[in-house]
Amino acid sequence: MQLTRVALTSLLLLTFFGCASQSELDSVRRDTDEIKNRVFTLDKGLNEVRGEVKDGVEKSLAGYRQSLEALQADMAGYQKDMAAIRKGGADLQATLESARVDMQLLTGKVDDVRLLAQKPADDIALLKEDLTKRLAALEERLGKIEKGIDEQQKKAALILKSPDYLYQQGMEAMKEGNPAKARELFTNFLEQHPKHALAANAHYWIGETYYSEKNFENAVLEFQEVIKNFPDKDKAPAAMLKQGMAFKEMGDTKSANYVLKKLVDEHPKSEEAKTARERLKVK
């Protein structure tokens, strides 16, 4: 509204001073109206884009925030990507502010329309060309920001589907004292990635979930998966120790001692073997 009053006042001043013909004044007025409309449309579009981008990012981040906070140092790259998304939003805000400044500058130029009308038509053409370039650069920048956000969202989706992420979620459930959830996550991990380097660990932690629930029979069976199929893995001694302890809890002292002695024989230098020796001394 303020812009319109300024334009009308300027046109009246032009008529009063008689410095330009009616057709020139009409041309200037049409150019001014066209520029106002384009700036208004761009400002409206920017607001809509900012709202959509902000909503999309906030919705995505809300779903990932709790899980991403629990990731270990190997997830630092992903957190940097998410920071880039937030920076993209800040860049978009800065771009919008820049557009508003341009609009304010345009308002000031409209105030000086009487002087512009006295200049050659080439000056007006240069002004229009400058504004057109600014609008094109602004649109290009917005396109790059939107593309960057899409790429970061795709990266986030890939990370959430990765085996390391699924395994880490199982570990977090164990830390939170939720063995049922941890067992489900480790089972899903093994179903999707049975030959992964962490498969032995996943079997071991499933055994631990059963052990924590005092389901010692299933714990024995799950620890046996590690002992039988992954004898050279780091978790093999730990699985033997916990299997012996599970037998002990079941009242099967003979089997417990057999497993503990086997642990001492096969992994004599391990920390678990040291614990096994101490338990074997107890009658």
C-alpha atoms as a PDB file:
ATOM      1  CA  MET A   1       0.000   0.000   0.000  1.00  0.00           C
ATOM      2  CA  GLN A   2       2.874   2.321   0.953  1.00  0.00           C
ATOM      3  CA  LEU A   3       4.588   1.452  -2.322  1.00  0.00           C
ATOM      4  CA  THR A   4       1.474   2.338  -4.328  1.00  0.00           C
ATOM      5  CA  ARG A   5       1.095   5.728  -2.618  1.00  0.00           C
ATOM      6  CA  VAL A   6       4.718   6.500  -3.309  1.00  0.00           C
ATOM      7  CA  ALA A   7       4.327   5.575  -6.971  1.00  0.00           C
ATOM      8  CA  LEU A   8       1.158   7.694  -7.370  1.00  0.00           C
ATOM      9  CA  THR A   9       2.811  10.654  -5.644  1.00  0.00           C
ATOM     10  CA  SER A  10       5.779  10.354  -7.935  1.00  0.00           C
ATOM     11  CA  LEU A  11       3.555  10.258 -11.023  1.00  0.00           C
ATOM     12  CA  LEU A  12       1.709  13.366  -9.849  1.00  0.00           C
ATOM     13  CA  LEU A  13       5.031  15.100  -9.372  1.00  0.00           C
ATOM     14  CA  LEU A  14       5.979  14.146 -12.909  1.00  0.00           C
ATOM     15  CA  THR A  15       2.757  15.596 -14.233  1.00  0.00           C
ATOM     16  CA  PHE A  16       3.255  18.755 -12.196  1.00  0.00           C
ATOM     17  CA  PHE A  17       6.753  19.411 -13.405  1.00  0.00           C
ATOM     18  CA  GLY A  18       5.931  18.451 -16.989  1.00  0.00           C
ATOM     19  CA  CYS A  19       9.314  16.873 -17.485  1.00  0.00           C
ATOM     20  CA  ALA A  20       8.126  13.872 -19.424  1.00  0.00           C
ATOM     21  CA  SER A  21       5.414  13.046 -21.914  1.00  0.00           C
ATOM     22  CA  GLN A  22       2.309  11.133 -20.884  1.00  0.00           C
ATOM     23  CA  SER A  23       3.439   8.031 -22.780  1.00  0.00           C
ATOM     24  CA  GLU A  24       6.797   8.044 -20.974  1.00  0.00           C
ATOM     25  CA  LEU A  25       5.061   8.386 -17.637  1.00  0.00           C
ATOM     26  CA  ASP A  26       2.753   5.504 -18.509  1.00  0.00           C
ATOM     27  CA  SER A  27       5.712   3.379 -19.490  1.00  0.00           C
ATOM     28  CA  VAL A  28       7.499   4.128 -16.237  1.00  0.00           C
ATOM     29  CA  ARG A  29       4.353   3.403 -14.273  1.00  0.00           C
ATOM     30  CA  ARG A  30       3.888   0.065 -16.051  1.00  0.00           C
ATOM     31  CA  ASP A  31       7.528  -0.868 -15.433  1.00  0.00           C
ATOM     32  CA  THR A  32       7.166   0.106 -11.793  1.00  0.00           C
ATOM     33  CA  ASP A  33       3.988  -1.939 -11.400  1.00  0.00           C
ATOM     34  CA  GLU A  34       5.610  -4.914 -13.079  1.00  0.00           C
ATOM     35  CA  ILE A  35       8.623  -4.715 -10.789  1.00  0.00           C
ATOM     36  CA  LYS A  36       6.389  -4.394  -7.714  1.00  0.00           C
ATOM     37  CA  ASN A  37       4.397  -7.424  -8.788  1.00  0.00           C
ATOM     38  CA  ARG A  38       7.494  -9.525  -9.393  1.00  0.00           C
ATOM     39  CA  VAL A  39       9.007  -8.557  -6.028  1.00  0.00           C
ATOM     40  CA  PHE A  40       5.681  -9.237  -4.274  1.00  0.00           C
ATOM     41  CA  THR A  41       5.364 -12.624  -6.015  1.00  0.00           C
ATOM     42  CA  LEU A  42       8.956 -13.516  -5.154  1.00  0.00           C
ATOM     43  CA  ASP A  43       8.470 -12.504  -1.496  1.00  0.00           C
ATOM     44  CA  LYS A  44       5.305 -14.602  -1.309  1.00  0.00           C
ATOM     45  CA  GLY A  45       7.046 -17.562  -2.976  1.00  0.00           C
ATOM     46  CA  LEU A  46       9.997 -17.226  -0.630  1.00  0.00           C
ATOM     47  CA  ASN A  47       7.691 -17.311   2.384  1.00  0.00           C
ATOM     48  CA  GLU A  48       5.992 -20.451   1.067  1.00  0.00           C
ATOM     49  CA  VAL A  49       9.301 -22.150   0.265  1.00  0.00           C
ATOM     50  CA  ARG A  50      10.719 -21.201   3.642  1.00  0.00           C
ATOM     51  CA  GLY A  51       7.634 -22.591   5.375  1.00  0.00           C
ATOM     52  CA  GLU A  52       7.738 -25.846   3.398  1.00  0.00           C
ATOM     53  CA  VAL A  53      11.478 -26.287   3.917  1.00  0.00           C
ATOM     54  CA  LYS A  54      11.231 -25.439   7.604  1.00  0.00           C
ATOM     55  CA  ASP A  55       8.297 -27.822   8.128  1.00  0.00           C
ATOM     56  CA  GLY A  56       9.978 -30.597   6.155  1.00  0.00           C
ATOM     57  CA  VAL A  57      13.272 -30.269   8.004  1.00  0.00           C
ATOM     58  CA  GLU A  58      11.622 -29.999  11.427  1.00  0.00           C
ATOM     59  CA  LYS A  59       9.465 -33.073  10.758  1.00  0.00           C
ATOM     60  CA  SER A  60      12.467 -35.071   9.578  1.00  0.00           C
ATOM     61  CA  LEU A  61      14.666 -33.968  12.462  1.00  0.00           C
ATOM     62  CA  ALA A  62      11.924 -34.620  15.029  1.00  0.00           C
ATOM     63  CA  GLY A  63      11.803 -38.257  13.926  1.00  0.00           C
ATOM     64  CA  TYR A  64      15.577 -38.727  13.981  1.00  0.00           C
ATOM     65  CA  ARG A  65      16.661 -36.569  16.950  1.00  0.00           C
ATOM     66  CA  GLN A  66      16.308 -39.119  19.752  1.00  0.00           C
ATOM     67  CA  SER A  67      18.078 -41.872  17.816  1.00  0.00           C
ATOM     68  CA  LEU A  68      20.836 -39.667  16.417  1.00  0.00           C
ATOM     69  CA  GLU A  69      21.785 -38.354  19.898  1.00  0.00           C
ATOM     70  CA  ALA A  70      22.676 -41.929  20.898  1.00  0.00           C
ATOM     71  CA  LEU A  71      25.056 -42.630  18.006  1.00  0.00           C
ATOM     72  CA  GLN A  72      28.763 -42.989  18.789  1.00  0.00           C
ATOM     73  CA  ALA A  73      31.695 -41.147  17.246  1.00  0.00           C
ATOM     74  CA  ASP A  74      31.323 -43.025  13.936  1.00  0.00           C
ATOM     75  CA  MET A  75      28.048 -41.131  13.386  1.00  0.00           C
ATOM     76  CA  ALA A  76      29.764 -37.719  13.611  1.00  0.00           C
ATOM     77  CA  GLY A  77      29.700 -37.369   9.824  1.00  0.00           C
ATOM     78  CA  TYR A  78      25.955 -37.672   9.762  1.00  0.00           C
ATOM     79  CA  GLN A  79      25.597 -35.049  12.496  1.00  0.00           C
ATOM     80  CA  LYS A  80      27.697 -32.690  10.372  1.00  0.00           C
ATOM     81  CA  ASP A  81      25.324 -33.303   7.484  1.00  0.00           C
ATOM     82  CA  MET A  82      22.369 -32.396   9.646  1.00  0.00           C
ATOM     83  CA  ALA A  83      24.191 -29.233  10.704  1.00  0.00           C
ATOM     84  CA  ALA A  84      24.552 -28.431   6.998  1.00  0.00           C
ATOM     85  CA  ILE A  85      20.773 -28.733   6.634  1.00  0.00           C
ATOM     86  CA  ARG A  86      20.266 -26.256   9.447  1.00  0.00           C
ATOM     87  CA  LYS A  87      22.822 -23.953   7.859  1.00  0.00           C
ATOM     88  CA  GLY A  88      20.878 -24.237   4.597  1.00  0.00           C
ATOM     89  CA  GLY A  89      17.786 -23.029   6.422  1.00  0.00           C
ATOM     90  CA  ALA A  90      19.765 -20.097   7.828  1.00  0.00           C
ATOM     91  CA  ASP A  91      21.013 -19.295   4.322  1.00  0.00           C
ATOM     92  CA  LEU A  92      17.440 -19.305   3.086  1.00  0.00           C
ATOM     93  CA  GLN A  93      16.495 -16.860   5.841  1.00  0.00           C
ATOM     94  CA  ALA A  94      19.412 -14.632   4.899  1.00  0.00           C
ATOM     95  CA  THR A  95      18.332 -14.764   1.256  1.00  0.00           C
ATOM     96  CA  LEU A  96      14.836 -13.692   2.193  1.00  0.00           C
ATOM     97  CA  GLU A  97      16.227 -10.780   4.186  1.00  0.00           C
ATOM     98  CA  SER A  98      18.323  -9.825   1.180  1.00  0.00           C
ATOM     99  CA  ALA A  99      15.200  -9.834  -0.985  1.00  0.00           C
ATOM    100  CA  ARG A 100      13.465  -7.571   1.507  1.00  0.00           C
ATOM    101  CA  VAL A 101      16.395  -5.179   1.433  1.00  0.00           C
ATOM    102  CA  ASP A 102      16.174  -5.159  -2.365  1.00  0.00           C
ATOM    103  CA  MET A 103      12.496  -4.319  -2.081  1.00  0.00           C
ATOM    104  CA  GLN A 104      13.275  -1.427   0.262  1.00  0.00           C
ATOM    105  CA  LEU A 105      15.879  -0.166  -2.184  1.00  0.00           C
ATOM    106  CA  LEU A 106      13.324  -0.414  -4.965  1.00  0.00           C
ATOM    107  CA  THR A 107      10.897   1.658  -2.892  1.00  0.00           C
ATOM    108  CA  GLY A 108      13.541   4.322  -2.557  1.00  0.00           C
ATOM    109  CA  LYS A 109      14.116   4.293  -6.305  1.00  0.00           C
ATOM    110  CA  VAL A 110      10.411   4.724  -6.944  1.00  0.00           C
ATOM    111  CA  ASP A 111      10.554   7.807  -4.730  1.00  0.00           C
ATOM    112  CA  ASP A 112      13.068   9.195  -7.205  1.00  0.00           C
ATOM    113  CA  VAL A 113      10.956   8.372 -10.278  1.00  0.00           C
ATOM    114  CA  ARG A 114      10.816  12.051 -11.234  1.00  0.00           C
ATOM    115  CA  LEU A 115      14.580  12.058 -11.728  1.00  0.00           C
ATOM    116  CA  LEU A 116      14.518   8.726 -13.564  1.00  0.00           C
ATOM    117  CA  ALA A 117      11.909  10.034 -15.969  1.00  0.00           C
ATOM    118  CA  GLN A 118      14.307  12.804 -17.012  1.00  0.00           C
ATOM    119  CA  LYS A 119      17.043  10.300 -17.843  1.00  0.00           C
ATOM    120  CA  PRO A 120      17.403   8.444 -21.139  1.00  0.00           C
ATOM    121  CA  ALA A 121      15.414   5.254 -21.620  1.00  0.00           C
ATOM    122  CA  ASP A 122      18.688   3.335 -21.472  1.00  0.00           C
ATOM    123  CA  ASP A 123      18.996   4.075 -17.735  1.00  0.00           C
ATOM    124  CA  ILE A 124      15.574   2.582 -17.084  1.00  0.00           C
ATOM    125  CA  ALA A 125      16.499  -0.485 -19.148  1.00  0.00           C
ATOM    126  CA  LEU A 126      19.685  -0.916 -17.104  1.00  0.00           C
ATOM    127  CA  LEU A 127      17.664  -0.752 -13.897  1.00  0.00           C
ATOM    128  CA  LYS A 128      15.271  -3.415 -15.154  1.00  0.00           C
ATOM    129  CA  GLU A 129      18.176  -5.607 -16.259  1.00  0.00           C
ATOM    130  CA  ASP A 130      19.838  -5.270 -12.853  1.00  0.00           C
ATOM    131  CA  LEU A 131      16.646  -6.269 -11.037  1.00  0.00           C
ATOM    132  CA  THR A 132      16.123  -9.204 -13.398  1.00  0.00           C
ATOM    133  CA  LYS A 133      19.625 -10.492 -12.697  1.00  0.00           C
ATOM    134  CA  ARG A 134      19.068 -10.174  -8.954  1.00  0.00           C
ATOM    135  CA  LEU A 135      15.853 -12.146  -9.162  1.00  0.00           C
ATOM    136  CA  ALA A 136      17.493 -14.852 -11.295  1.00  0.00           C
ATOM    137  CA  ALA A 137      20.426 -15.167  -8.861  1.00  0.00           C
ATOM    138  CA  LEU A 138      18.025 -15.408  -5.946  1.00  0.00           C
ATOM    139  CA  GLU A 139      16.013 -18.149  -7.635  1.00  0.00           C
ATOM    140  CA  GLU A 140      19.199 -20.076  -8.457  1.00  0.00           C
ATOM    141  CA  ARG A 141      20.361 -19.864  -4.853  1.00  0.00           C
ATOM    142  CA  LEU A 142      17.037 -21.139  -3.570  1.00  0.00           C
ATOM    143  CA  GLY A 143      17.232 -24.063  -5.985  1.00  0.00           C
ATOM    144  CA  LYS A 144      20.680 -25.032  -4.674  1.00  0.00           C
ATOM    145  CA  ILE A 145      19.477 -24.877  -1.063  1.00  0.00           C
ATOM    146  CA  GLU A 146      16.482 -27.107  -1.830  1.00  0.00           C
ATOM    147  CA  LYS A 147      18.731 -29.568  -3.681  1.00  0.00           C
ATOM    148  CA  GLY A 148      21.134 -29.666  -0.734  1.00  0.00           C
ATOM    149  CA  ILE A 149      18.319 -30.400   1.705  1.00  0.00           C
ATOM    150  CA  ASP A 150      17.047 -33.243  -0.500  1.00  0.00           C
ATOM    151  CA  GLU A 151      20.541 -34.771  -0.631  1.00  0.00           C
ATOM    152  CA  GLN A 152      20.951 -34.577   3.154  1.00  0.00           C
ATOM    153  CA  GLN A 153      17.567 -36.214   3.701  1.00  0.00           C
ATOM    154  CA  LYS A 154      18.554 -39.045   1.349  1.00  0.00           C
ATOM    155  CA  LYS A 155      21.821 -39.522   3.248  1.00  0.00           C
ATOM    156  CA  ALA A 156      19.917 -39.652   6.519  1.00  0.00           C
ATOM    157  CA  ALA A 157      17.580 -42.307   5.123  1.00  0.00           C
ATOM    158  CA  LEU A 158      20.544 -44.437   3.979  1.00  0.00           C
ATOM    159  CA  ILE A 159      22.213 -44.178   7.381  1.00  0.00           C
ATOM    160  CA  LEU A 160      19.029 -45.277   9.144  1.00  0.00           C
ATOM    161  CA  LYS A 161      18.976 -48.410   6.953  1.00  0.00           C
ATOM    162  CA  SER A 162      22.659 -49.271   7.479  1.00  0.00           C
ATOM    163  CA  PRO A 163      23.659 -52.415   9.453  1.00  0.00           C
ATOM    164  CA  ASP A 164      25.886 -50.405  11.788  1.00  0.00           C
ATOM    165  CA  TYR A 165      22.976 -48.172  12.720  1.00  0.00           C
ATOM    166  CA  LEU A 166      20.685 -51.155  13.379  1.00  0.00           C
ATOM    167  CA  TYR A 167      23.352 -52.819  15.542  1.00  0.00           C
ATOM    168  CA  GLN A 168      23.939 -49.582  17.431  1.00  0.00           C
ATOM    169  CA  GLN A 169      20.220 -49.302  18.135  1.00  0.00           C
ATOM    170  CA  GLY A 170      20.336 -52.767  19.715  1.00  0.00           C
ATOM    171  CA  MET A 171      23.225 -51.701  21.927  1.00  0.00           C
ATOM    172  CA  GLU A 172      21.348 -48.609  23.008  1.00  0.00           C
ATOM    173  CA  ALA A 173      18.359 -50.744  23.975  1.00  0.00           C
ATOM    174  CA  MET A 174      20.689 -52.897  26.104  1.00  0.00           C
ATOM    175  CA  LYS A 175      22.060 -49.795  27.841  1.00  0.00           C
ATOM    176  CA  GLU A 176      18.521 -48.611  28.502  1.00  0.00           C
ATOM    177  CA  GLY A 177      17.694 -51.916  30.200  1.00  0.00           C
ATOM    178  CA  ASN A 178      15.228 -53.084  27.555  1.00  0.00           C
ATOM    179  CA  PRO A 179      16.361 -56.648  26.684  1.00  0.00           C
ATOM    180  CA  ALA A 180      13.230 -57.504  24.679  1.00  0.00           C
ATOM    181  CA  LYS A 181      13.688 -54.548  22.351  1.00  0.00           C
ATOM    182  CA  ALA A 182      17.436 -55.206  22.090  1.00  0.00           C
ATOM    183  CA  ARG A 183      16.805 -58.859  21.197  1.00  0.00           C
ATOM    184  CA  GLU A 184      14.363 -57.825  18.462  1.00  0.00           C
ATOM    185  CA  LEU A 185      16.846 -55.349  16.987  1.00  0.00           C
ATOM    186  CA  PHE A 186      19.768 -57.804  17.074  1.00  0.00           C
ATOM    187  CA  THR A 187      17.565 -60.507  15.531  1.00  0.00           C
ATOM    188  CA  ASN A 188      16.580 -58.134  12.701  1.00  0.00           C
ATOM    189  CA  PHE A 189      20.235 -57.300  12.243  1.00  0.00           C
ATOM    190  CA  LEU A 190      21.147 -60.992  11.840  1.00  0.00           C
ATOM    191  CA  GLU A 191      18.243 -61.659   9.473  1.00  0.00           C
ATOM    192  CA  GLN A 192      19.315 -58.808   7.197  1.00  0.00           C
ATOM    193  CA  HIS A 193      23.097 -59.148   7.576  1.00  0.00           C
ATOM    194  CA  PRO A 194      23.924 -62.745   8.646  1.00  0.00           C
ATOM    195  CA  LYS A 195      27.550 -62.512   7.430  1.00  0.00           C
ATOM    196  CA  HIS A 196      28.338 -59.112   8.862  1.00  0.00           C
ATOM    197  CA  ALA A 197      31.509 -58.689  10.910  1.00  0.00           C
ATOM    198  CA  LEU A 198      29.376 -57.985  13.978  1.00  0.00           C
ATOM    199  CA  ALA A 199      27.223 -61.129  13.616  1.00  0.00           C
ATOM    200  CA  ALA A 200      29.055 -62.909  16.466  1.00  0.00           C
ATOM    201  CA  ASN A 201      28.526 -59.892  18.709  1.00  0.00           C
ATOM    202  CA  ALA A 202      24.831 -59.809  17.850  1.00  0.00           C
ATOM    203  CA  HIS A 203      24.433 -63.498  18.823  1.00  0.00           C
ATOM    204  CA  TYR A 204      26.309 -62.850  22.047  1.00  0.00           C
ATOM    205  CA  TRP A 205      24.095 -59.922  23.024  1.00  0.00           C
ATOM    206  CA  ILE A 206      20.963 -61.915  22.242  1.00  0.00           C
ATOM    207  CA  GLY A 207      22.300 -64.495  24.707  1.00  0.00           C
ATOM    208  CA  GLU A 208      22.823 -61.702  27.228  1.00  0.00           C
ATOM    209  CA  THR A 209      19.185 -60.574  26.842  1.00  0.00           C
ATOM    210  CA  TYR A 210      18.003 -64.088  27.702  1.00  0.00           C
ATOM    211  CA  TYR A 211      20.467 -64.294  30.599  1.00  0.00           C
ATOM    212  CA  SER A 212      19.225 -60.985  32.044  1.00  0.00           C
ATOM    213  CA  GLU A 213      15.676 -62.352  31.930  1.00  0.00           C
ATOM    214  CA  LYS A 214      16.838 -65.559  33.692  1.00  0.00           C
ATOM    215  CA  ASN A 215      15.903 -67.552  30.601  1.00  0.00           C
ATOM    216  CA  PHE A 216      19.079 -69.602  30.970  1.00  0.00           C
ATOM    217  CA  GLU A 217      18.194 -72.393  28.535  1.00  0.00           C
ATOM    218  CA  ASN A 218      17.823 -70.007  25.599  1.00  0.00           C
ATOM    219  CA  ALA A 219      20.899 -68.118  26.786  1.00  0.00           C
ATOM    220  CA  VAL A 220      22.933 -71.362  26.616  1.00  0.00           C
ATOM    221  CA  LEU A 221      21.716 -72.014  23.068  1.00  0.00           C
ATOM    222  CA  GLU A 222      22.499 -68.486  21.874  1.00  0.00           C
ATOM    223  CA  PHE A 223      25.976 -68.490  23.433  1.00  0.00           C
ATOM    224  CA  GLN A 224      26.552 -71.819  21.689  1.00  0.00           C
ATOM    225  CA  GLU A 225      25.954 -70.070  18.341  1.00  0.00           C
ATOM    226  CA  VAL A 226      28.977 -67.898  19.050  1.00  0.00           C
ATOM    227  CA  ILE A 227      31.117 -70.768  20.376  1.00  0.00           C
ATOM    228  CA  LYS A 228      30.307 -73.063  17.467  1.00  0.00           C
ATOM    229  CA  ASN A 229      30.139 -70.681  14.484  1.00  0.00           C
ATOM    230  CA  PHE A 230      32.560 -67.931  15.537  1.00  0.00           C
ATOM    231  CA  PRO A 231      35.305 -69.635  17.604  1.00  0.00           C
ATOM    232  CA  ASP A 232      37.974 -67.148  16.499  1.00  0.00           C
ATOM    233  CA  LYS A 233      35.971 -64.010  17.237  1.00  0.00           C
ATOM    234  CA  ASP A 234      36.659 -61.836  20.267  1.00  0.00           C
ATOM    235  CA  LYS A 235      33.260 -62.682  21.735  1.00  0.00           C
ATOM    236  CA  ALA A 236      33.947 -66.449  21.842  1.00  0.00           C
ATOM    237  CA  PRO A 237      35.644 -66.422  25.315  1.00  0.00           C
ATOM    238  CA  ALA A 238      32.894 -64.193  26.717  1.00  0.00           C
ATOM    239  CA  ALA A 239      30.225 -66.518  25.290  1.00  0.00           C
ATOM    240  CA  MET A 240      31.905 -69.552  26.910  1.00  0.00           C
ATOM    241  CA  LEU A 241      32.103 -67.821  30.277  1.00  0.00           C
ATOM    242  CA  LYS A 242      28.465 -66.753  30.222  1.00  0.00           C
ATOM    243  CA  GLN A 243      27.372 -70.177  28.996  1.00  0.00           C
ATOM    244  CA  GLY A 244      29.172 -71.796  31.940  1.00  0.00           C
ATOM    245  CA  MET A 245      27.480 -69.328  34.288  1.00  0.00           C
ATOM    246  CA  ALA A 246      24.083 -70.117  32.723  1.00  0.00           C
ATOM    247  CA  PHE A 247      24.655 -73.861  33.277  1.00  0.00           C
ATOM    248  CA  LYS A 248      25.553 -73.059  36.865  1.00  0.00           C
ATOM    249  CA  GLU A 249      22.324 -71.104  37.331  1.00  0.00           C
ATOM    250  CA  MET A 250      20.394 -74.101  35.945  1.00  0.00           C
ATOM    251  CA  GLY A 251      22.019 -76.343  38.544  1.00  0.00           C
ATOM    252  CA  ASP A 252      24.082 -78.229  35.943  1.00  0.00           C
ATOM    253  CA  THR A 253      27.454 -77.931  37.674  1.00  0.00           C
ATOM    254  CA  LYS A 254      29.063 -80.653  35.567  1.00  0.00           C
ATOM    255  CA  SER A 255      28.335 -78.875  32.282  1.00  0.00           C
ATOM    256  CA  ALA A 256      29.308 -75.551  33.803  1.00  0.00           C
ATOM    257  CA  ASN A 257      32.734 -76.836  34.875  1.00  0.00           C
ATOM    258  CA  TYR A 258      33.274 -78.528  31.510  1.00  0.00           C
ATOM    259  CA  VAL A 259      32.671 -75.246  29.626  1.00  0.00           C
ATOM    260  CA  LEU A 260      34.838 -73.223  32.025  1.00  0.00           C
ATOM    261  CA  LYS A 261      37.738 -75.698  31.736  1.00  0.00           C
ATOM    262  CA  LYS A 262      37.411 -75.625  27.966  1.00  0.00           C
ATOM    263  CA  LEU A 263      37.560 -71.821  28.120  1.00  0.00           C
ATOM    264  CA  VAL A 264      40.791 -71.944  30.144  1.00  0.00           C
ATOM    265  CA  ASP A 265      42.326 -74.460  27.720  1.00  0.00           C
ATOM    266  CA  GLU A 266      41.356 -72.684  24.486  1.00  0.00           C
ATOM    267  CA  HIS A 267      41.744 -69.056  25.580  1.00  0.00           C
ATOM    268  CA  PRO A 268      44.235 -69.162  28.478  1.00  0.00           C
ATOM    269  CA  LYS A 269      45.355 -65.537  28.173  1.00  0.00           C
ATOM    270  CA  SER A 270      41.887 -63.978  28.038  1.00  0.00           C
ATOM    271  CA  GLU A 271      40.305 -62.057  30.898  1.00  0.00           C
ATOM    272  CA  GLU A 272      37.414 -64.511  30.784  1.00  0.00           C
ATOM    273  CA  ALA A 273      39.838 -67.399  31.432  1.00  0.00           C
ATOM    274  CA  LYS A 274      41.038 -65.634  34.579  1.00  0.00           C
ATOM    275  CA  THR A 275      37.440 -65.392  35.821  1.00  0.00           C
ATOM    276  CA  ALA A 276      36.835 -69.035  34.850  1.00  0.00           C
ATOM    277  CA  ARG A 277      39.835 -70.189  36.947  1.00  0.00           C
ATOM    278  CA  GLU A 278      38.472 -68.368  39.966  1.00  0.00           C
ATOM    279  CA  ARG A 279      35.033 -69.920  39.528  1.00  0.00           C
ATOM    280  CA  LEU A 280      36.526 -73.412  39.142  1.00  0.00           C
ATOM    281  CA  LYS A 281      38.224 -73.027  42.529  1.00  0.00           C
ATOM    282  CA  VAL A 282      34.819 -72.553  44.178  1.00  0.00           C
ATOM    283  CA  LYS A 283      33.402 -75.880  45.281  1.00  0.00           C
END
